[in-house]
């Protein structure tokens, strides 16, 4: 018999310092009798994490034919390994110390250990995926177990992501005892990045209100552009809240009347009322979502969408200067452009504290529902725009790996006989490679990388 105690002294919490974040440390204590009797010679410490999805079975394993009644026995459960870290301590690594209380003191031995948690783990098919935080998601779905129209049943399900440390005592290669201790991982990602609309420029068409469309024969066309491939979540030093800033541009094409200019003054500022709603979508199943065997059936997958935060704010769009042709001999333009820019400041809810996830049995995604109302521009009607924007949350590690794949080295293809060591002024031309050095050539079909420039109002 081995008498031991496993303590977790610090967790990978967001409140820890930068050096301690992502580090799980603890102490394993063993009574002196177990050491003197040589009950074990080594201890294997394992840090493990799994995803467990439970959905009650919808198969008719036990039927009672009384009308249309089907009873299901036993739940269906799926397990998916996330990560396993190990550390081995020998009996000689334990140090002696005395445990004292008011009644008596006991001689014991202890050993300290720690695990440095990575942010990514290897998954199936050689993929690298982000570690999910400790969480429990509950949801429900409806299934039909017969051909009756009203025979619909609500199926409850649960998905749990859990971590624990287990001390496995071994003697001569055989396990003689084990001691588990759960670990809660609640903060592992201090630096997160947002990518709206998969990193592509987003353009939303705004519509004028119904009254303006009835009064005006032709209302000006307005479009909203959001061009920010990556937004870093920053923390405010005073309030401690996490925030993002989304640059937004508004463009309006105003048709001028015949023989004159429009009555809308393009030097005005434009007011905007914003309703923003953050949504979190969790999806879990008892069958792999991307399995090759079959597609998950209804009742085997549960989708749950919840609103994490609702915010309201007012922003002001400042018009950008437009330079017109000063030649007075030309005809007056048929339309006038109005371009204004601003930035939308939003606070990020605590529900968005981990990256987007896509494991076999559990996935997590985010969306941003924006509702914009533009007003205050004299001579122009009110405009409204709504858009549900998918948000990809990534870590700094994922961004670095993506940048590595995008690095392209440009090589100058020049014949050695055509290169000179010096230019006409007698100075070394640093733009030309050395004539004595071997010249690397471009492979056939190799192209240089090009990046799409942002719109003019973001330059």
Protein backbone atom coordinates (compact mmCIF):
# COMPACT_ATOMS: atom_id res chain seq x y z
CA UNK A 1 0.00 0.00 0.00
CA UNK A 2 1.33 3.42 -1.02
CA UNK A 3 0.13 6.51 0.84
CA UNK A 4 0.69 9.62 -1.28
CA UNK A 5 -0.66 13.10 -1.89
CA UNK A 6 -0.62 15.01 -5.19
CA UNK A 7 -0.86 18.81 -5.04
CA UNK A 8 -1.07 21.31 -7.89
CA UNK A 9 0.56 24.53 -6.71
CA UNK A 10 0.07 26.74 -9.78
CA UNK A 11 -2.07 26.56 -12.89
CA UNK A 12 -1.78 27.93 -16.37
CA UNK A 13 -3.95 30.91 -15.57
CA UNK A 14 -4.11 34.26 -17.32
CA UNK A 15 -3.37 36.08 -14.08
CA UNK A 16 0.08 34.54 -13.82
CA UNK A 17 3.18 36.33 -14.96
CA UNK A 18 4.48 35.91 -18.48
CA UNK A 19 7.09 33.37 -17.42
CA UNK A 20 4.64 31.26 -15.39
CA UNK A 21 1.80 31.34 -17.90
CA UNK A 22 1.40 27.97 -19.55
CA UNK A 23 3.24 26.21 -16.73
CA UNK A 24 1.62 23.63 -14.46
CA UNK A 25 3.69 22.77 -11.40
CA UNK A 26 2.99 20.57 -8.42
CA UNK A 27 4.36 18.42 -5.62
CA UNK A 28 4.05 14.69 -4.99
CA UNK A 29 4.38 13.65 -1.34
CA UNK A 30 4.80 10.04 -0.14
CA UNK A 31 4.78 8.80 3.46
CA UNK A 32 8.05 7.54 4.86
CA UNK A 33 6.76 3.96 5.28
CA UNK A 34 6.22 3.55 1.52
CA UNK A 35 9.79 4.65 0.82
CA UNK A 36 11.42 2.52 3.52
CA UNK A 37 9.50 -0.55 2.38
CA UNK A 38 10.55 0.15 -1.23
CA UNK A 39 6.98 -0.02 -2.44
CA UNK A 40 8.04 1.69 -5.69
CA UNK A 41 11.23 2.54 -7.54
CA UNK A 42 9.97 5.04 -10.16
CA UNK A 43 7.01 7.38 -10.62
CA UNK A 44 5.71 8.33 -14.06
CA UNK A 45 3.89 11.67 -14.04
CA UNK A 46 1.46 12.11 -16.93
CA UNK A 47 -0.35 15.27 -17.99
CA UNK A 48 -3.30 14.30 -20.17
CA UNK A 49 -6.19 16.02 -21.88
CA UNK A 50 -9.23 14.51 -23.60
CA UNK A 51 -12.50 15.57 -25.19
CA UNK A 52 -15.52 13.53 -24.12
CA UNK A 53 -18.80 13.89 -26.01
CA UNK A 54 -21.93 12.18 -24.73
CA UNK A 55 -25.17 11.97 -26.68
CA UNK A 56 -27.92 9.51 -25.63
CA UNK A 57 -28.27 6.72 -28.15
CA UNK A 58 -31.05 6.88 -30.74
CA UNK A 59 -30.80 3.23 -31.77
CA UNK A 60 -33.74 0.94 -30.93
CA UNK A 61 -31.84 -1.52 -28.76
CA UNK A 62 -34.94 -2.27 -26.63
CA UNK A 63 -38.37 -1.77 -28.13
CA UNK A 64 -41.77 -1.78 -26.41
CA UNK A 65 -44.50 -1.84 -29.04
CA UNK A 66 -47.33 0.07 -27.39
CA UNK A 67 -48.48 2.66 -29.93
CA UNK A 68 -45.41 4.57 -31.11
CA UNK A 69 -43.11 4.32 -28.06
CA UNK A 70 -39.38 3.62 -28.35
CA UNK A 71 -37.11 3.42 -25.34
CA UNK A 72 -33.33 3.78 -25.63
CA UNK A 73 -30.96 2.19 -23.14
CA UNK A 74 -27.42 3.41 -22.52
CA UNK A 75 -25.68 6.59 -23.73
CA UNK A 76 -23.23 6.85 -26.63
CA UNK A 77 -19.86 8.33 -25.70
CA UNK A 78 -16.84 9.32 -27.77
CA UNK A 79 -13.36 10.14 -26.51
CA UNK A 80 -10.62 12.05 -28.29
CA UNK A 81 -7.08 12.44 -26.95
CA UNK A 82 -5.73 16.00 -27.00
CA UNK A 83 -2.28 15.84 -25.46
CA UNK A 84 -0.08 13.62 -23.28
CA UNK A 85 3.06 14.84 -21.50
CA UNK A 86 5.21 12.59 -19.31
CA UNK A 87 7.94 12.99 -16.71
CA UNK A 88 9.68 10.21 -14.79
CA UNK A 89 11.01 10.56 -11.24
CA UNK A 90 13.00 7.89 -9.44
CA UNK A 91 12.81 7.09 -5.74
CA UNK A 92 16.16 8.82 -5.26
CA UNK A 93 14.72 12.13 -6.46
CA UNK A 94 12.43 12.38 -3.41
CA UNK A 95 13.58 14.63 -0.57
CA UNK A 96 12.81 14.09 3.08
CA UNK A 97 10.75 16.54 5.12
CA UNK A 98 8.50 16.57 8.18
CA UNK A 99 4.74 17.16 8.11
CA UNK A 100 3.63 18.62 11.43
CA UNK A 101 0.22 19.42 12.89
CA UNK A 102 -1.19 20.13 16.37
CA UNK A 103 -1.30 16.46 17.39
CA UNK A 104 1.77 14.82 15.88
CA UNK A 105 4.39 15.04 13.14
CA UNK A 106 4.96 12.60 10.28
CA UNK A 107 8.07 11.96 8.25
CA UNK A 108 7.46 12.09 4.48
CA UNK A 109 9.25 12.45 1.17
CA UNK A 110 8.39 14.77 -1.70
CA UNK A 111 9.43 15.64 -5.24
CA UNK A 112 8.55 18.79 -7.20
CA UNK A 113 7.66 18.73 -10.88
CA UNK A 114 6.26 20.95 -13.61
CA UNK A 115 4.87 20.72 -17.14
CA UNK A 116 5.33 23.45 -19.73
CA UNK A 117 2.14 23.45 -21.75
CA UNK A 118 2.35 24.11 -25.49
CA UNK A 119 -0.37 26.00 -27.31
CA UNK A 120 -0.55 23.45 -30.14
CA UNK A 121 -0.58 19.67 -30.20
CA UNK A 122 -0.21 17.09 -32.94
CA UNK A 123 -3.49 15.61 -34.10
CA UNK A 124 -4.43 12.93 -36.59
CA UNK A 125 -3.03 12.95 -40.15
CA UNK A 126 0.00 14.95 -38.99
CA UNK A 127 -1.98 18.14 -38.38
CA UNK A 128 -1.22 20.61 -35.60
CA UNK A 129 -4.22 21.96 -33.71
CA UNK A 130 -4.78 24.46 -30.94
CA UNK A 131 -5.31 23.19 -27.39
CA UNK A 132 -8.83 23.92 -26.13
CA UNK A 133 -9.35 25.32 -22.65
CA UNK A 134 -11.15 23.42 -19.92
CA UNK A 135 -14.84 23.70 -20.72
CA UNK A 136 -18.20 21.98 -20.58
CA UNK A 137 -20.82 22.53 -23.29
CA UNK A 138 -24.39 21.32 -23.01
CA UNK A 139 -26.87 21.27 -25.86
CA UNK A 140 -29.83 19.48 -27.38
CA UNK A 141 -31.20 18.40 -30.72
CA UNK A 142 -34.39 16.75 -31.98
CA UNK A 143 -34.67 13.36 -33.66
CA UNK A 144 -37.48 11.35 -35.21
CA UNK A 145 -37.59 7.67 -34.29
CA UNK A 146 -40.56 6.61 -36.44
CA UNK A 147 -42.62 7.71 -39.41
CA UNK A 148 -45.14 9.57 -37.27
CA UNK A 149 -45.17 13.31 -37.89
CA UNK A 150 -45.41 14.18 -34.20
CA UNK A 151 -42.86 11.62 -33.00
CA UNK A 152 -40.03 14.04 -32.34
CA UNK A 153 -37.83 13.62 -29.30
CA UNK A 154 -35.40 16.04 -27.69
CA UNK A 155 -31.94 14.53 -27.27
CA UNK A 156 -29.65 16.06 -24.65
CA UNK A 157 -25.88 15.98 -25.05
CA UNK A 158 -22.74 17.18 -23.31
CA UNK A 159 -19.14 17.82 -24.36
CA UNK A 160 -16.40 18.14 -21.77
CA UNK A 161 -12.77 19.12 -22.28
CA UNK A 162 -10.75 18.07 -19.24
CA UNK A 163 -7.13 17.81 -18.15
CA UNK A 164 -5.51 15.98 -15.27
CA UNK A 165 -2.16 14.87 -13.89
CA UNK A 166 -1.73 11.24 -12.90
CA UNK A 167 1.11 9.82 -10.81
CA UNK A 168 1.74 6.19 -11.74
CA UNK A 169 3.87 4.29 -9.21
CA UNK A 170 5.94 1.45 -10.67
CA UNK A 171 8.03 -1.29 -9.18
CA UNK A 172 10.28 -3.35 -11.44
CA UNK A 173 8.35 -2.21 -14.48
CA UNK A 174 4.92 -3.08 -13.07
CA UNK A 175 2.36 -0.45 -12.04
CA UNK A 176 1.55 -0.80 -8.35
CA UNK A 177 -0.60 2.28 -7.83
CA UNK A 178 -1.87 5.52 -9.35
CA UNK A 179 -3.07 8.89 -8.10
CA UNK A 180 -4.95 11.35 -10.41
CA UNK A 181 -5.56 15.05 -9.86
CA UNK A 182 -7.71 17.24 -12.17
CA UNK A 183 -6.21 20.43 -13.60
CA UNK A 184 -8.22 23.38 -14.87
CA UNK A 185 -6.70 25.27 -17.81
CA UNK A 186 -8.52 28.59 -18.02
CA UNK A 187 -5.98 30.98 -19.56
CA UNK A 188 -3.36 29.89 -22.06
CA UNK A 189 -3.50 32.54 -24.78
CA UNK A 190 -2.50 36.07 -23.75
CA UNK A 191 -2.05 37.24 -27.36
CA UNK A 192 -4.88 36.56 -29.80
CA UNK A 193 -5.54 37.90 -33.27
CA UNK A 194 -8.81 38.33 -35.16
CA UNK A 195 -9.30 37.89 -38.88
CA UNK A 196 -12.59 39.13 -40.29
CA UNK A 197 -14.15 37.43 -43.30
CA UNK A 198 -11.19 35.02 -43.68
CA UNK A 199 -8.76 37.89 -44.12
CA UNK A 200 -10.42 39.19 -47.30
CA UNK A 201 -11.66 42.77 -47.88
CA UNK A 202 -15.32 43.01 -46.96
CA UNK A 203 -17.75 45.32 -48.75
CA UNK A 204 -21.31 45.81 -47.51
CA UNK A 205 -24.01 47.63 -49.47
CA UNK A 206 -26.15 49.98 -47.41
CA UNK A 207 -29.81 50.55 -48.22
CA UNK A 208 -31.71 53.82 -47.64
CA UNK A 209 -34.84 53.82 -45.58
CA UNK A 210 -38.20 53.20 -47.24
CA UNK A 211 -39.41 56.80 -46.92
CA UNK A 212 -36.34 58.14 -48.71
CA UNK A 213 -36.76 55.67 -51.56
CA UNK A 214 -40.36 56.82 -51.97
CA UNK A 215 -39.55 60.55 -51.88
CA UNK A 216 -36.35 60.60 -53.91
CA UNK A 217 -36.33 59.41 -57.48
CA UNK A 218 -32.78 58.05 -57.20
CA UNK A 219 -30.96 57.83 -53.90
CA UNK A 220 -27.14 57.88 -53.73
CA UNK A 221 -25.49 54.50 -53.55
CA UNK A 222 -23.53 53.83 -50.32
CA UNK A 223 -21.07 51.03 -49.59
CA UNK A 224 -19.12 50.18 -46.46
CA UNK A 225 -15.66 48.64 -46.69
CA UNK A 226 -13.75 46.85 -43.96
CA UNK A 227 -10.16 46.13 -44.92
CA UNK A 228 -8.09 44.73 -42.11
CA UNK A 229 -6.63 41.26 -42.69
CA UNK A 230 -5.57 40.90 -39.07
CA UNK A 231 -6.57 42.70 -35.88
CA UNK A 232 -4.67 42.25 -32.62
CA UNK A 233 -6.65 42.08 -29.40
CA UNK A 234 -5.10 44.57 -27.04
CA UNK A 235 -5.69 45.03 -23.32
CA UNK A 236 -6.45 48.46 -21.89
CA UNK A 237 -4.03 49.26 -19.08
CA UNK A 238 -6.54 51.33 -17.11
CA UNK A 239 -9.68 49.20 -17.33
CA UNK A 240 -8.04 45.83 -17.98
CA UNK A 241 -10.61 45.08 -20.70
CA UNK A 242 -9.66 43.62 -24.05
CA UNK A 243 -10.47 45.73 -27.10
CA UNK A 244 -10.12 45.79 -30.86
CA UNK A 245 -10.23 48.60 -33.40
CA UNK A 246 -11.82 47.94 -36.81
CA UNK A 247 -11.12 50.52 -39.55
CA UNK A 248 -14.19 51.24 -41.66
CA UNK A 249 -14.57 53.35 -44.79
CA UNK A 250 -17.80 54.67 -46.33
CA UNK A 251 -18.10 55.57 -50.01
CA UNK A 252 -21.09 57.28 -51.60
CA UNK A 253 -21.65 58.09 -55.28
CA UNK A 254 -23.93 61.12 -55.58
CA UNK A 255 -25.51 61.83 -58.95
CA UNK A 256 -25.40 65.53 -59.79
CA UNK A 257 -28.47 67.20 -61.31
CA UNK A 258 -28.25 68.50 -64.86
CA UNK A 259 -26.39 71.78 -65.08
CA UNK A 260 -25.37 71.98 -61.44
CA UNK A 261 -23.91 70.36 -58.34
CA UNK A 262 -25.63 68.26 -55.72
CA UNK A 263 -27.10 69.80 -52.61
CA UNK A 264 -25.16 67.38 -50.38
CA UNK A 265 -22.10 68.99 -48.89
CA UNK A 266 -19.30 66.43 -49.11
CA UNK A 267 -17.38 68.24 -46.34
CA UNK A 268 -19.86 67.12 -43.69
CA UNK A 269 -19.18 64.40 -41.18
CA UNK A 270 -21.37 61.32 -41.11
CA UNK A 271 -22.82 59.91 -37.90
CA UNK A 272 -23.26 56.19 -37.37
CA UNK A 273 -25.05 54.16 -34.71
CA UNK A 274 -23.62 50.67 -34.25
CA UNK A 275 -25.20 47.57 -32.72
CA UNK A 276 -22.59 44.81 -32.38
CA UNK A 277 -23.22 41.30 -31.18
CA UNK A 278 -20.56 38.65 -30.56
CA UNK A 279 -21.71 35.08 -31.05
CA UNK A 280 -20.00 31.81 -30.10
CA UNK A 281 -20.87 28.55 -31.87
CA UNK A 282 -19.96 25.16 -30.36
CA UNK A 283 -20.33 21.94 -32.31
CA UNK A 284 -19.73 18.47 -30.90
CA UNK A 285 -20.56 14.97 -32.09
CA UNK A 286 -20.04 11.32 -31.23
CA UNK A 287 -18.83 10.64 -34.79
CA UNK A 288 -15.74 12.36 -36.26
CA UNK A 289 -16.89 15.42 -38.17
CA UNK A 290 -14.47 14.74 -41.04
CA UNK A 291 -14.49 10.98 -40.87
CA UNK A 292 -14.13 8.96 -44.06
CA UNK A 293 -16.48 6.19 -42.93
CA UNK A 294 -19.75 8.10 -42.93
CA UNK A 295 -21.35 11.48 -42.40
CA UNK A 296 -22.75 12.15 -38.89
CA UNK A 297 -26.50 11.64 -38.76
CA UNK A 298 -29.07 13.81 -37.07
CA UNK A 299 -28.99 13.09 -33.37
CA UNK A 300 -25.23 12.45 -33.46
CA UNK A 301 -24.29 16.13 -33.82
CA UNK A 302 -25.29 19.04 -31.59
CA UNK A 303 -24.81 22.69 -32.55
CA UNK A 304 -25.15 25.39 -29.94
CA UNK A 305 -24.93 29.12 -30.64
CA UNK A 306 -24.95 31.66 -27.82
CA UNK A 307 -24.61 35.43 -27.65
CA UNK A 308 -21.47 36.36 -25.74
CA UNK A 309 -21.87 40.14 -25.74
CA UNK A 310 -24.10 42.92 -27.13
CA UNK A 311 -22.68 46.41 -27.50
CA UNK A 312 -23.93 49.77 -28.71
CA UNK A 313 -21.78 52.69 -29.76
CA UNK A 314 -21.78 55.85 -31.87
CA UNK A 315 -18.94 56.75 -34.20
CA UNK A 316 -18.28 59.74 -36.43
CA UNK A 317 -16.97 59.39 -39.99
CA UNK A 318 -14.67 62.18 -41.11
CA UNK A 319 -14.68 62.94 -44.86
CA UNK A 320 -11.42 62.36 -46.69
CA UNK A 321 -10.13 65.14 -48.95
CA UNK A 322 -10.92 64.75 -52.65
CA UNK A 323 -8.87 66.69 -55.18
CA UNK A 324 -10.84 67.85 -58.20
CA UNK A 325 -9.53 68.98 -61.56
CA UNK A 326 -8.93 72.73 -61.55
CA UNK A 327 -9.53 73.08 -65.32
CA UNK A 328 -12.66 75.22 -65.57
CA UNK A 329 -13.03 74.60 -69.29
CA UNK A 330 -14.15 71.02 -68.78
CA UNK A 331 -17.74 69.98 -68.25
CA UNK A 332 -19.06 69.57 -64.77
CA UNK A 333 -18.84 65.98 -63.49
CA UNK A 334 -22.01 63.90 -63.60
CA UNK A 335 -21.46 62.55 -60.07
CA UNK A 336 -19.69 63.48 -56.84
CA UNK A 337 -17.85 61.02 -54.63
CA UNK A 338 -18.08 61.13 -50.87
CA UNK A 339 -15.52 59.09 -48.93
CA UNK A 340 -15.24 59.06 -45.12
CA UNK A 341 -13.31 56.89 -42.68
CA UNK A 342 -13.49 56.01 -39.01
CA UNK A 343 -12.63 53.23 -36.55
CA UNK A 344 -15.02 51.06 -34.59
CA UNK A 345 -13.86 50.31 -31.05
CA UNK A 346 -15.30 47.12 -29.59
CA UNK A 347 -14.58 45.26 -26.38
CA UNK A 348 -13.91 41.55 -26.69
CA UNK A 349 -15.95 39.35 -24.31
CA UNK A 350 -14.37 36.76 -22.03
CA UNK A 351 -16.01 34.01 -24.08
CA UNK A 352 -13.46 34.73 -26.81
CA UNK A 353 -10.43 33.69 -24.75
CA UNK A 354 -9.20 30.86 -26.97
CA UNK A 355 -8.60 30.43 -30.71
CA UNK A 356 -11.04 28.92 -33.16
CA UNK A 357 -11.03 25.14 -32.75
CA UNK A 358 -11.60 22.27 -35.17
CA UNK A 359 -11.03 18.86 -33.60
CA UNK A 360 -12.66 15.63 -34.71
CA UNK A 361 -15.40 15.67 -32.07
CA UNK A 362 -15.42 19.32 -31.00
CA UNK A 363 -15.29 22.62 -32.92
CA UNK A 364 -15.65 26.24 -31.83
CA UNK A 365 -16.17 29.28 -34.07
CA UNK A 366 -17.03 32.96 -33.68
CA UNK A 367 -19.10 35.52 -35.58
CA UNK A 368 -19.64 39.27 -35.32
CA UNK A 369 -23.13 40.57 -36.14
CA UNK A 370 -22.95 44.25 -37.10
CA UNK A 371 -25.92 46.56 -37.62
CA UNK A 372 -24.97 50.07 -38.84
CA UNK A 373 -27.29 53.07 -39.16
CA UNK A 374 -25.92 56.18 -40.93
CA UNK A 375 -27.50 59.59 -40.46
CA UNK A 376 -26.65 63.24 -39.99
CA UNK A 377 -25.55 63.98 -43.56
CA UNK A 378 -27.63 66.94 -44.70
CA UNK A 379 -29.37 66.26 -47.98
CA UNK A 380 -28.91 62.49 -47.78
CA UNK A 381 -31.32 59.90 -46.35
CA UNK A 382 -30.66 57.46 -43.56
CA UNK A 383 -28.87 54.27 -44.51
CA UNK A 384 -28.79 50.88 -42.83
CA UNK A 385 -26.44 47.95 -43.27
CA UNK A 386 -26.41 44.53 -41.63
CA UNK A 387 -23.80 41.81 -41.91
CA UNK A 388 -22.89 38.63 -40.04
CA UNK A 389 -19.10 38.42 -40.31
CA UNK A 390 -17.24 35.16 -39.59
CA UNK A 391 -14.31 35.77 -37.24
CA UNK A 392 -11.24 33.54 -37.20
CA UNK A 393 -9.33 33.77 -33.90
CA UNK A 394 -5.69 32.69 -34.09
CA UNK A 395 -2.60 32.74 -31.92
CA UNK A 396 0.75 34.37 -32.50
CA UNK A 397 2.21 30.94 -33.23
CA UNK A 398 -0.21 30.36 -36.08
CA UNK A 399 0.55 33.77 -37.59
CA UNK A 400 4.30 33.13 -37.55
CA UNK A 401 3.84 29.76 -39.25
CA UNK A 402 1.65 31.37 -41.90
CA UNK A 403 4.22 34.08 -42.57
CA UNK A 404 6.94 31.43 -42.99
CA UNK A 405 4.94 29.87 -45.80
CA UNK A 406 4.58 33.24 -47.52
CA UNK A 407 8.28 34.15 -47.55
CA UNK A 408 9.60 34.33 -51.12
CA UNK A 409 13.24 35.13 -51.86
CA UNK A 410 13.74 37.06 -55.08
CA UNK A 411 16.83 36.08 -57.10
CA UNK A 412 18.43 38.26 -59.77
CA UNK A 413 19.14 36.23 -62.90
CA UNK A 414 22.30 37.60 -64.51
CA UNK A 415 24.97 36.01 -66.68
CA UNK A 416 28.47 36.11 -65.10
CA UNK A 417 29.99 37.69 -68.22
CA UNK A 418 27.58 40.61 -68.01
CA UNK A 419 28.44 41.59 -64.43
CA UNK A 420 31.00 44.21 -63.44
CA UNK A 421 32.60 44.61 -60.06
CA UNK A 422 32.40 48.41 -60.25
CA UNK A 423 30.06 50.88 -61.82
CA UNK A 424 30.95 53.82 -64.03
CA UNK A 425 31.91 55.99 -61.05
CA UNK A 426 34.42 53.44 -59.80
CA UNK A 427 32.33 52.59 -56.74
CA UNK A 428 31.16 49.13 -55.86
CA UNK A 429 27.62 48.54 -57.08
CA UNK A 430 25.87 46.83 -54.17
CA UNK A 431 22.90 46.06 -56.34
CA UNK A 432 24.87 43.58 -58.43
CA UNK A 433 26.14 40.24 -57.16
CA UNK A 434 29.82 39.39 -57.13
CA UNK A 435 31.00 38.09 -60.51
CA UNK A 436 33.15 35.42 -58.86
CA UNK A 437 30.28 34.02 -56.79
CA UNK A 438 28.00 31.30 -58.17
CA UNK A 439 24.78 32.70 -59.55
CA UNK A 440 21.57 30.96 -58.40
CA UNK A 441 19.01 30.85 -61.18
CA UNK A 442 15.26 31.06 -61.00
CA UNK A 443 13.52 27.76 -61.52
CA UNK A 444 11.27 27.44 -64.51
CA UNK A 445 7.78 28.57 -63.66
CA UNK A 446 8.86 30.36 -60.45
CA UNK A 447 6.96 33.59 -59.81
CA UNK A 448 7.49 36.42 -57.41
CA UNK A 449 4.92 37.01 -54.69
CA UNK A 450 2.46 39.85 -55.09
CA UNK A 451 0.27 41.36 -52.41
CA UNK A 452 -3.07 43.00 -53.10
CA UNK A 453 -2.83 46.68 -52.14
CA UNK A 454 -5.47 48.13 -49.80
CA UNK A 455 -8.09 50.57 -51.06
CA UNK A 456 -7.00 54.13 -51.62
CA UNK A 457 -8.74 55.46 -48.52
CA UNK A 458 -6.66 53.17 -46.26
CA UNK A 459 -3.27 54.20 -47.68
